[in-house]
Amino acid sequence: FNNLCAGKYTFIIEHLGCEPDTIL
């Protein structure tokens, strides 16, 4: 990811055959 501003963000990661994960 480019050109993001400083801060706190929630990342949601998914892949077929995987349990999704959420990271702050």
mmCIF file of all heavy atoms, coordinates in Angstrom:
data_MODEL
# 
_entry.id   MODEL 
# 
loop_
_atom_site.group_PDB 
_atom_site.id 
_atom_site.type_symbol 
_atom_site.label_atom_id 
_atom_site.label_alt_id 
_atom_site.label_comp_id 
_atom_site.label_asym_id 
_atom_site.label_entity_id 
_atom_site.label_seq_id 
_atom_site.pdbx_PDB_ins_code 
_atom_site.Cartn_x 
_atom_site.Cartn_y 
_atom_site.Cartn_z 
_atom_site.occupancy 
_atom_site.B_iso_or_equiv 
_atom_site.pdbx_formal_charge 
_atom_site.auth_seq_id 
_atom_site.auth_comp_id 
_atom_site.auth_asym_id 
_atom_site.auth_atom_id 
_atom_site.pdbx_PDB_model_num 
ATOM 1   N N   . PHE A 1 1  ? 0.871   -1.173  0.000  1.00 0.00 ? 1  PHE A N   1 
ATOM 2   C CA  . PHE A 1 1  ? 0.000   0.000   0.000  1.00 0.00 ? 1  PHE A CA  1 
ATOM 3   C C   . PHE A 1 1  ? 0.907   1.222   0.000  1.00 0.00 ? 1  PHE A C   1 
ATOM 4   O O   . PHE A 1 1  ? 1.852   1.288   0.786  1.00 0.00 ? 1  PHE A O   1 
ATOM 5   C CB  . PHE A 1 1  ? -0.883  0.063   1.261  1.00 0.00 ? 1  PHE A CB  1 
ATOM 6   C CG  . PHE A 1 1  ? -1.998  -0.935  1.277  1.00 0.00 ? 1  PHE A CG  1 
ATOM 7   C CD1 . PHE A 1 1  ? -1.868  -2.121  1.980  1.00 0.00 ? 1  PHE A CD1 1 
ATOM 8   C CD2 . PHE A 1 1  ? -3.187  -0.679  0.619  1.00 0.00 ? 1  PHE A CD2 1 
ATOM 9   C CE1 . PHE A 1 1  ? -2.902  -3.041  2.027  1.00 0.00 ? 1  PHE A CE1 1 
ATOM 10  C CE2 . PHE A 1 1  ? -4.234  -1.596  0.658  1.00 0.00 ? 1  PHE A CE2 1 
ATOM 11  C CZ  . PHE A 1 1  ? -4.083  -2.781  1.357  1.00 0.00 ? 1  PHE A CZ  1 
ATOM 12  N N   . ASN A 1 2  ? 0.622   2.200   -0.854 1.00 0.00 ? 2  ASN A N   1 
ATOM 13  C CA  . ASN A 1 2  ? 1.393   3.433   -0.929 1.00 0.00 ? 2  ASN A CA  1 
ATOM 14  C C   . ASN A 1 2  ? 0.540   4.614   -0.504 1.00 0.00 ? 2  ASN A C   1 
ATOM 15  O O   . ASN A 1 2  ? -0.692  4.558   -0.546 1.00 0.00 ? 2  ASN A O   1 
ATOM 16  C CB  . ASN A 1 2  ? 1.893   3.668   -2.362 1.00 0.00 ? 2  ASN A CB  1 
ATOM 17  C CG  . ASN A 1 2  ? 2.955   2.673   -2.755 1.00 0.00 ? 2  ASN A CG  1 
ATOM 18  O OD1 . ASN A 1 2  ? 3.955   2.503   -2.068 1.00 0.00 ? 2  ASN A OD1 1 
ATOM 19  N ND2 . ASN A 1 2  ? 2.734   1.980   -3.858 1.00 0.00 ? 2  ASN A ND2 1 
ATOM 20  N N   . ASN A 1 3  ? 1.207   5.683   -0.117 1.00 0.00 ? 3  ASN A N   1 
ATOM 21  C CA  . ASN A 1 3  ? 0.573   6.978   0.185  1.00 0.00 ? 3  ASN A CA  1 
ATOM 22  C C   . ASN A 1 3  ? -0.472  6.911   1.300  1.00 0.00 ? 3  ASN A C   1 
ATOM 23  O O   . ASN A 1 3  ? -1.526  7.527   1.201  1.00 0.00 ? 3  ASN A O   1 
ATOM 24  C CB  . ASN A 1 3  ? -0.027  7.587   -1.087 1.00 0.00 ? 3  ASN A CB  1 
ATOM 25  C CG  . ASN A 1 3  ? 1.015   7.784   -2.164 1.00 0.00 ? 3  ASN A CG  1 
ATOM 26  O OD1 . ASN A 1 3  ? 2.124   8.226   -1.871 1.00 0.00 ? 3  ASN A OD1 1 
ATOM 27  N ND2 . ASN A 1 3  ? 0.678   7.430   -3.379 1.00 0.00 ? 3  ASN A ND2 1 
ATOM 28  N N   . LEU A 1 4  ? -0.160  6.159   2.345  1.00 0.00 ? 4  LEU A N   1 
ATOM 29  C CA  . LEU A 1 4  ? -1.033  6.122   3.515  1.00 0.00 ? 4  LEU A CA  1 
ATOM 30  C C   . LEU A 1 4  ? -0.625  7.218   4.485  1.00 0.00 ? 4  LEU A C   1 
ATOM 31  O O   . LEU A 1 4  ? 0.538   7.612   4.534  1.00 0.00 ? 4  LEU A O   1 
ATOM 32  C CB  . LEU A 1 4  ? -0.939  4.766   4.213  1.00 0.00 ? 4  LEU A CB  1 
ATOM 33  C CG  . LEU A 1 4  ? -1.348  3.543   3.400  1.00 0.00 ? 4  LEU A CG  1 
ATOM 34  C CD1 . LEU A 1 4  ? -1.145  2.272   4.218  1.00 0.00 ? 4  LEU A CD1 1 
ATOM 35  C CD2 . LEU A 1 4  ? -2.784  3.651   2.939  1.00 0.00 ? 4  LEU A CD2 1 
ATOM 36  N N   . CYS A 1 5  ? -1.573  7.701   5.252  1.00 0.00 ? 5  CYS A N   1 
ATOM 37  C CA  . CYS A 1 5  ? -1.304  8.682   6.307  1.00 0.00 ? 5  CYS A CA  1 
ATOM 38  C C   . CYS A 1 5  ? -1.029  7.940   7.617  1.00 0.00 ? 5  CYS A C   1 
ATOM 39  O O   . CYS A 1 5  ? -1.512  6.833   7.826  1.00 0.00 ? 5  CYS A O   1 
ATOM 40  C CB  . CYS A 1 5  ? -2.495  9.609   6.492  1.00 0.00 ? 5  CYS A CB  1 
ATOM 41  S SG  . CYS A 1 5  ? -2.906  10.599  5.046  1.00 0.00 ? 5  CYS A SG  1 
ATOM 42  N N   . ALA A 1 6  ? -0.256  8.573   8.484  1.00 0.00 ? 6  ALA A N   1 
ATOM 43  C CA  . ALA A 1 6  ? 0.003   7.995   9.803  1.00 0.00 ? 6  ALA A CA  1 
ATOM 44  C C   . ALA A 1 6  ? -1.331  7.811   10.524 1.00 0.00 ? 6  ALA A C   1 
ATOM 45  O O   . ALA A 1 6  ? -2.253  8.598   10.364 1.00 0.00 ? 6  ALA A O   1 
ATOM 46  C CB  . ALA A 1 6  ? 0.912   8.907   10.596 1.00 0.00 ? 6  ALA A CB  1 
ATOM 47  N N   . GLY A 1 7  ? -1.413  6.734   11.295 1.00 0.00 ? 7  GLY A N   1 
ATOM 48  C CA  . GLY A 1 7  ? -2.643  6.501   12.045 1.00 0.00 ? 7  GLY A CA  1 
ATOM 49  C C   . GLY A 1 7  ? -2.784  5.069   12.496 1.00 0.00 ? 7  GLY A C   1 
ATOM 50  O O   . GLY A 1 7  ? -1.844  4.280   12.446 1.00 0.00 ? 7  GLY A O   1 
ATOM 51  N N   . LYS A 1 8  ? -3.987  4.743   12.933 1.00 0.00 ? 8  LYS A N   1 
ATOM 52  C CA  . LYS A 1 8  ? -4.328  3.396   13.405 1.00 0.00 ? 8  LYS A CA  1 
ATOM 53  C C   . LYS A 1 8  ? -5.375  2.836   12.448 1.00 0.00 ? 8  LYS A C   1 
ATOM 54  O O   . LYS A 1 8  ? -6.407  3.457   12.225 1.00 0.00 ? 8  LYS A O   1 
ATOM 55  C CB  . LYS A 1 8  ? -4.897  3.465   14.816 1.00 0.00 ? 8  LYS A CB  1 
ATOM 56  C CG  . LYS A 1 8  ? -5.185  2.110   15.430 1.00 0.00 ? 8  LYS A CG  1 
ATOM 57  C CD  . LYS A 1 8  ? -5.888  2.222   16.766 1.00 0.00 ? 8  LYS A CD  1 
ATOM 58  C CE  . LYS A 1 8  ? -4.957  2.750   17.824 1.00 0.00 ? 8  LYS A CE  1 
ATOM 59  N NZ  . LYS A 1 8  ? -5.567  2.695   19.183 1.00 0.00 ? 8  LYS A NZ  1 
ATOM 60  N N   . TYR A 1 9  ? -5.105  1.652   11.889 1.00 0.00 ? 9  TYR A N   1 
ATOM 61  C CA  . TYR A 1 9  ? -5.972  1.076   10.865 1.00 0.00 ? 9  TYR A CA  1 
ATOM 62  C C   . TYR A 1 9  ? -6.229  -0.397  11.145 1.00 0.00 ? 9  TYR A C   1 
ATOM 63  O O   . TYR A 1 9  ? -5.379  -1.104  11.675 1.00 0.00 ? 9  TYR A O   1 
ATOM 64  C CB  . TYR A 1 9  ? -5.339  1.208   9.478  1.00 0.00 ? 9  TYR A CB  1 
ATOM 65  C CG  . TYR A 1 9  ? -5.105  2.630   9.055  1.00 0.00 ? 9  TYR A CG  1 
ATOM 66  C CD1 . TYR A 1 9  ? -3.849  3.204   9.172  1.00 0.00 ? 9  TYR A CD1 1 
ATOM 67  C CD2 . TYR A 1 9  ? -6.138  3.408   8.544  1.00 0.00 ? 9  TYR A CD2 1 
ATOM 68  C CE1 . TYR A 1 9  ? -3.624  4.522   8.784  1.00 0.00 ? 9  TYR A CE1 1 
ATOM 69  C CE2 . TYR A 1 9  ? -5.923  4.712   8.153  1.00 0.00 ? 9  TYR A CE2 1 
ATOM 70  C CZ  . TYR A 1 9  ? -4.664  5.270   8.273  1.00 0.00 ? 9  TYR A CZ  1 
ATOM 71  O OH  . TYR A 1 9  ? -4.455  6.568   7.889  1.00 0.00 ? 9  TYR A OH  1 
ATOM 72  N N   . THR A 1 10 ? -7.410  -0.856  10.711 1.00 0.00 ? 10 THR A N   1 
ATOM 73  C CA  . THR A 1 10 ? -7.791  -2.259  10.828 1.00 0.00 ? 10 THR A CA  1 
ATOM 74  C C   . THR A 1 10 ? -7.537  -2.936  9.489  1.00 0.00 ? 10 THR A C   1 
ATOM 75  O O   . THR A 1 10 ? -8.124  -2.570  8.476  1.00 0.00 ? 10 THR A O   1 
ATOM 76  C CB  . THR A 1 10 ? -9.286  -2.383  11.189 1.00 0.00 ? 10 THR A CB  1 
ATOM 77  O OG1 . THR A 1 10 ? -9.538  -1.614  12.366 1.00 0.00 ? 10 THR A OG1 1 
ATOM 78  C CG2 . THR A 1 10 ? -9.667  -3.836  11.410 1.00 0.00 ? 10 THR A CG2 1 
ATOM 79  N N   . PHE A 1 11 ? -6.636  -3.924  9.491  1.00 0.00 ? 11 PHE A N   1 
ATOM 80  C CA  . PHE A 1 11 ? -6.316  -4.700  8.293  1.00 0.00 ? 11 PHE A CA  1 
ATOM 81  C C   . PHE A 1 11 ? -7.056  -6.029  8.359  1.00 0.00 ? 11 PHE A C   1 
ATOM 82  O O   . PHE A 1 11 ? -6.985  -6.735  9.372  1.00 0.00 ? 11 PHE A O   1 
ATOM 83  C CB  . PHE A 1 11 ? -4.811  -4.967  8.207  1.00 0.00 ? 11 PHE A CB  1 
ATOM 84  C CG  . PHE A 1 11 ? -3.996  -3.770  7.807  1.00 0.00 ? 11 PHE A CG  1 
ATOM 85  C CD1 . PHE A 1 11 ? -3.809  -2.713  8.682  1.00 0.00 ? 11 PHE A CD1 1 
ATOM 86  C CD2 . PHE A 1 11 ? -3.423  -3.703  6.544  1.00 0.00 ? 11 PHE A CD2 1 
ATOM 87  C CE1 . PHE A 1 11 ? -3.057  -1.606  8.306  1.00 0.00 ? 11 PHE A CE1 1 
ATOM 88  C CE2 . PHE A 1 11 ? -2.677  -2.603  6.162  1.00 0.00 ? 11 PHE A CE2 1 
ATOM 89  C CZ  . PHE A 1 11 ? -2.490  -1.549  7.045  1.00 0.00 ? 11 PHE A CZ  1 
ATOM 90  N N   . ILE A 1 12 ? -7.768  -6.365  7.290  1.00 0.00 ? 12 ILE A N   1 
ATOM 91  C CA  . ILE A 1 12 ? -8.467  -7.648  7.203  1.00 0.00 ? 12 ILE A CA  1 
ATOM 92  C C   . ILE A 1 12 ? -7.772  -8.455  6.118  1.00 0.00 ? 12 ILE A C   1 
ATOM 93  O O   . ILE A 1 12 ? -7.677  -8.024  4.960  1.00 0.00 ? 12 ILE A O   1 
ATOM 94  C CB  . ILE A 1 12 ? -9.957  -7.447  6.873  1.00 0.00 ? 12 ILE A CB  1 
ATOM 95  C CG1 . ILE A 1 12 ? -10.622 -6.594  7.961  1.00 0.00 ? 12 ILE A CG1 1 
ATOM 96  C CG2 . ILE A 1 12 ? -10.660 -8.809  6.733  1.00 0.00 ? 12 ILE A CG2 1 
ATOM 97  C CD1 . ILE A 1 12 ? -12.021 -6.130  7.624  1.00 0.00 ? 12 ILE A CD1 1 
ATOM 98  N N   . ILE A 1 13 ? -7.270  -9.641  6.485  1.00 0.00 ? 13 ILE A N   1 
ATOM 99  C CA  . ILE A 1 13 ? -6.498  -10.477 5.570  1.00 0.00 ? 13 ILE A CA  1 
ATOM 100 C C   . ILE A 1 13 ? -7.279  -11.752 5.317  1.00 0.00 ? 13 ILE A C   1 
ATOM 101 O O   . ILE A 1 13 ? -7.719  -12.418 6.263  1.00 0.00 ? 13 ILE A O   1 
ATOM 102 C CB  . ILE A 1 13 ? -5.110  -10.812 6.167  1.00 0.00 ? 13 ILE A CB  1 
ATOM 103 C CG1 . ILE A 1 13 ? -4.378  -9.518  6.578  1.00 0.00 ? 13 ILE A CG1 1 
ATOM 104 C CG2 . ILE A 1 13 ? -4.272  -11.593 5.183  1.00 0.00 ? 13 ILE A CG2 1 
ATOM 105 C CD1 . ILE A 1 13 ? -4.564  -9.122  7.983  1.00 0.00 ? 13 ILE A CD1 1 
ATOM 106 N N   . GLU A 1 14 ? -7.437  -12.101 4.021  1.00 0.00 ? 14 GLU A N   1 
ATOM 107 C CA  . GLU A 1 14 ? -8.193  -13.297 3.656  1.00 0.00 ? 14 GLU A CA  1 
ATOM 108 C C   . GLU A 1 14 ? -7.483  -14.055 2.542  1.00 0.00 ? 14 GLU A C   1 
ATOM 109 O O   . GLU A 1 14 ? -6.815  -13.456 1.699  1.00 0.00 ? 14 GLU A O   1 
ATOM 110 C CB  . GLU A 1 14 ? -9.597  -12.908 3.179  1.00 0.00 ? 14 GLU A CB  1 
ATOM 111 C CG  . GLU A 1 14 ? -10.445 -12.256 4.252  1.00 0.00 ? 14 GLU A CG  1 
ATOM 112 C CD  . GLU A 1 14 ? -11.823 -11.862 3.743  1.00 0.00 ? 14 GLU A CD  1 
ATOM 113 O OE1 . GLU A 1 14 ? -11.894 -11.147 2.721  1.00 0.00 ? 14 GLU A OE1 1 
ATOM 114 O OE2 . GLU A 1 14 ? -12.813 -12.280 4.363  1.00 0.00 ? 14 GLU A OE2 1 
ATOM 115 N N   . HIS A 1 15 ? -7.672  -15.370 2.554  1.00 0.00 ? 15 HIS A N   1 
ATOM 116 C CA  . HIS A 1 15 ? -7.160  -16.238 1.504  1.00 0.00 ? 15 HIS A CA  1 
ATOM 117 C C   . HIS A 1 15 ? -8.049  -17.469 1.440  1.00 0.00 ? 15 HIS A C   1 
ATOM 118 O O   . HIS A 1 15 ? -8.485  -17.985 2.478  1.00 0.00 ? 15 HIS A O   1 
ATOM 119 C CB  . HIS A 1 15 ? -5.710  -16.639 1.786  1.00 0.00 ? 15 HIS A CB  1 
ATOM 120 C CG  . HIS A 1 15 ? -5.092  -17.462 0.709  1.00 0.00 ? 15 HIS A CG  1 
ATOM 121 N ND1 . HIS A 1 15 ? -5.038  -18.833 0.766  1.00 0.00 ? 15 HIS A ND1 1 
ATOM 122 C CD2 . HIS A 1 15 ? -4.499  -17.100 -0.459 1.00 0.00 ? 15 HIS A CD2 1 
ATOM 123 C CE1 . HIS A 1 15 ? -4.433  -19.285 -0.328 1.00 0.00 ? 15 HIS A CE1 1 
ATOM 124 N NE2 . HIS A 1 15 ? -4.098  -18.254 -1.083 1.00 0.00 ? 15 HIS A NE2 1 
ATOM 125 N N   . LEU A 1 16 ? -8.297  -17.935 0.237  1.00 0.00 ? 16 LEU A N   1 
ATOM 126 C CA  . LEU A 1 16 ? -9.120  -19.123 0.045  1.00 0.00 ? 16 LEU A CA  1 
ATOM 127 C C   . LEU A 1 16 ? -8.531  -20.295 0.822  1.00 0.00 ? 16 LEU A C   1 
ATOM 128 O O   . LEU A 1 16 ? -7.342  -20.578 0.726  1.00 0.00 ? 16 LEU A O   1 
ATOM 129 C CB  . LEU A 1 16 ? -9.195  -19.462 -1.454 1.00 0.00 ? 16 LEU A CB  1 
ATOM 130 C CG  . LEU A 1 16 ? -10.163 -20.569 -1.841 1.00 0.00 ? 16 LEU A CG  1 
ATOM 131 C CD1 . LEU A 1 16 ? -11.594 -20.149 -1.510 1.00 0.00 ? 16 LEU A CD1 1 
ATOM 132 C CD2 . LEU A 1 16 ? -10.048 -20.866 -3.316 1.00 0.00 ? 16 LEU A CD2 1 
ATOM 133 N N   . GLY A 1 17 ? -9.342  -20.942 1.608  1.00 0.00 ? 17 GLY A N   1 
ATOM 134 C CA  . GLY A 1 17 ? -8.888  -22.087 2.399  1.00 0.00 ? 17 GLY A CA  1 
ATOM 135 C C   . GLY A 1 17 ? -8.279  -21.689 3.731  1.00 0.00 ? 17 GLY A C   1 
ATOM 136 O O   . GLY A 1 17 ? -7.752  -22.528 4.442  1.00 0.00 ? 17 GLY A O   1 
ATOM 137 N N   . CYS A 1 18 ? -8.347  -20.392 4.075  1.00 0.00 ? 18 CYS A N   1 
ATOM 138 C CA  . CYS A 1 18 ? -7.780  -19.909 5.337  1.00 0.00 ? 18 CYS A CA  1 
ATOM 139 C C   . CYS A 1 18 ? -8.856  -19.246 6.178  1.00 0.00 ? 18 CYS A C   1 
ATOM 140 O O   . CYS A 1 18 ? -9.831  -18.714 5.661  1.00 0.00 ? 18 CYS A O   1 
ATOM 141 C CB  . CYS A 1 18 ? -6.679  -18.883 5.080  1.00 0.00 ? 18 CYS A CB  1 
ATOM 142 S SG  . CYS A 1 18 ? -5.241  -19.520 4.251  1.00 0.00 ? 18 CYS A SG  1 
ATOM 143 N N   . GLU A 1 19 ? -8.619  -19.257 7.459  1.00 0.00 ? 19 GLU A N   1 
ATOM 144 C CA  . GLU A 1 19 ? -9.456  -18.500 8.380  1.00 0.00 ? 19 GLU A CA  1 
ATOM 145 C C   . GLU A 1 19 ? -9.054  -17.031 8.256  1.00 0.00 ? 19 GLU A C   1 
ATOM 146 O O   . GLU A 1 19 ? -7.884  -16.701 8.386  1.00 0.00 ? 19 GLU A O   1 
ATOM 147 C CB  . GLU A 1 19 ? -9.194  -19.014 9.798  1.00 0.00 ? 19 GLU A CB  1 
ATOM 148 C CG  . GLU A 1 19 ? -10.217 -18.647 10.825 1.00 0.00 ? 19 GLU A CG  1 
ATOM 149 C CD  . GLU A 1 19 ? -11.574 -19.268 10.570 1.00 0.00 ? 19 GLU A CD  1 
ATOM 150 O OE1 . GLU A 1 19 ? -11.657 -20.414 10.104 1.00 0.00 ? 19 GLU A OE1 1 
ATOM 151 O OE2 . GLU A 1 19 ? -12.559 -18.579 10.844 1.00 0.00 ? 19 GLU A OE2 1 
ATOM 152 N N   . PRO A 1 20 ? -9.993  -16.111 7.968  1.00 0.00 ? 20 PRO A N   1 
ATOM 153 C CA  . PRO A 1 20 ? -9.631  -14.684 7.856  1.00 0.00 ? 20 PRO A CA  1 
ATOM 154 C C   . PRO A 1 20 ? -9.059  -14.160 9.172  1.00 0.00 ? 20 PRO A C   1 
ATOM 155 O O   . PRO A 1 20 ? -9.368  -14.683 10.241 1.00 0.00 ? 20 PRO A O   1 
ATOM 156 C CB  . PRO A 1 20 ? -10.944 -13.978 7.537  1.00 0.00 ? 20 PRO A CB  1 
ATOM 157 C CG  . PRO A 1 20 ? -11.908 -15.050 7.174  1.00 0.00 ? 20 PRO A CG  1 
ATOM 158 C CD  . PRO A 1 20 ? -11.421 -16.318 7.761  1.00 0.00 ? 20 PRO A CD  1 
ATOM 159 N N   . ASP A 1 21 ? -8.238  -13.121 9.094  1.00 0.00 ? 21 ASP A N   1 
ATOM 160 C CA  . ASP A 1 21 ? -7.653  -12.531 10.289 1.00 0.00 ? 21 ASP A CA  1 
ATOM 161 C C   . ASP A 1 21 ? -7.831  -11.013 10.234 1.00 0.00 ? 21 ASP A C   1 
ATOM 162 O O   . ASP A 1 21 ? -7.836  -10.425 9.152  1.00 0.00 ? 21 ASP A O   1 
ATOM 163 C CB  . ASP A 1 21 ? -6.171  -12.879 10.398 1.00 0.00 ? 21 ASP A CB  1 
ATOM 164 C CG  . ASP A 1 21 ? -5.634  -12.716 11.799 1.00 0.00 ? 21 ASP A CG  1 
ATOM 165 O OD1 . ASP A 1 21 ? -6.422  -12.430 12.723 1.00 0.00 ? 21 ASP A OD1 1 
ATOM 166 O OD2 . ASP A 1 21 ? -4.418  -12.889 11.986 1.00 0.00 ? 21 ASP A OD2 1 
ATOM 167 N N   . THR A 1 22 ? -7.977  -10.405 11.393 1.00 0.00 ? 22 THR A N   1 
ATOM 168 C CA  . THR A 1 22 ? -8.109  -8.953  11.511 1.00 0.00 ? 22 THR A CA  1 
ATOM 169 C C   . THR A 1 22 ? -7.015  -8.468  12.444 1.00 0.00 ? 22 THR A C   1 
ATOM 170 O O   . THR A 1 22 ? -6.876  -8.969  13.560 1.00 0.00 ? 22 THR A O   1 
ATOM 171 C CB  . THR A 1 22 ? -9.494  -8.577  12.075 1.00 0.00 ? 22 THR A CB  1 
ATOM 172 O OG1 . THR A 1 22 ? -10.502 -9.099  11.199 1.00 0.00 ? 22 THR A OG1 1 
ATOM 173 C CG2 . THR A 1 22 ? -9.649  -7.080  12.178 1.00 0.00 ? 22 THR A CG2 1 
ATOM 174 N N   . ILE A 1 23 ? -6.228  -7.502  11.965 1.00 0.00 ? 23 ILE A N   1 
ATOM 175 C CA  . ILE A 1 23 ? -5.094  -6.977  12.722 1.00 0.00 ? 23 ILE A CA  1 
ATOM 176 C C   . ILE A 1 23 ? -5.231  -5.458  12.818 1.00 0.00 ? 23 ILE A C   1 
ATOM 177 O O   . ILE A 1 23 ? -5.457  -4.793  11.807 1.00 0.00 ? 23 ILE A O   1 
ATOM 178 C CB  . ILE A 1 23 ? -3.755  -7.308  12.028 1.00 0.00 ? 23 ILE A CB  1 
ATOM 179 C CG1 . ILE A 1 23 ? -3.611  -8.796  11.732 1.00 0.00 ? 23 ILE A CG1 1 
ATOM 180 C CG2 . ILE A 1 23 ? -2.567  -6.764  12.820 1.00 0.00 ? 23 ILE A CG2 1 
ATOM 181 C CD1 . ILE A 1 23 ? -3.353  -9.662  12.921 1.00 0.00 ? 23 ILE A CD1 1 
ATOM 182 N N   . LEU A 1 24 ? -5.063  -4.904  14.014 1.00 0.00 ? 24 LEU A N   1 
ATOM 183 C CA  . LEU A 1 24 ? -5.067  -3.460  14.206 1.00 0.00 ? 24 LEU A CA  1 
ATOM 184 C C   . LEU A 1 24 ? -3.611  -2.988  14.226 1.00 0.00 ? 24 LEU A C   1 
ATOM 185 O O   . LEU A 1 24 ? -2.813  -3.460  15.037 1.00 0.00 ? 24 LEU A O   1 
ATOM 186 C CB  . LEU A 1 24 ? -5.758  -3.099  15.521 1.00 0.00 ? 24 LEU A CB  1 
ATOM 187 C CG  . LEU A 1 24 ? -5.969  -1.627  15.791 1.00 0.00 ? 24 LEU A CG  1 
ATOM 188 C CD1 . LEU A 1 24 ? -6.874  -0.989  14.720 1.00 0.00 ? 24 LEU A CD1 1 
ATOM 189 C CD2 . LEU A 1 24 ? -6.572  -1.429  17.166 1.00 0.00 ? 24 LEU A CD2 1 
# 
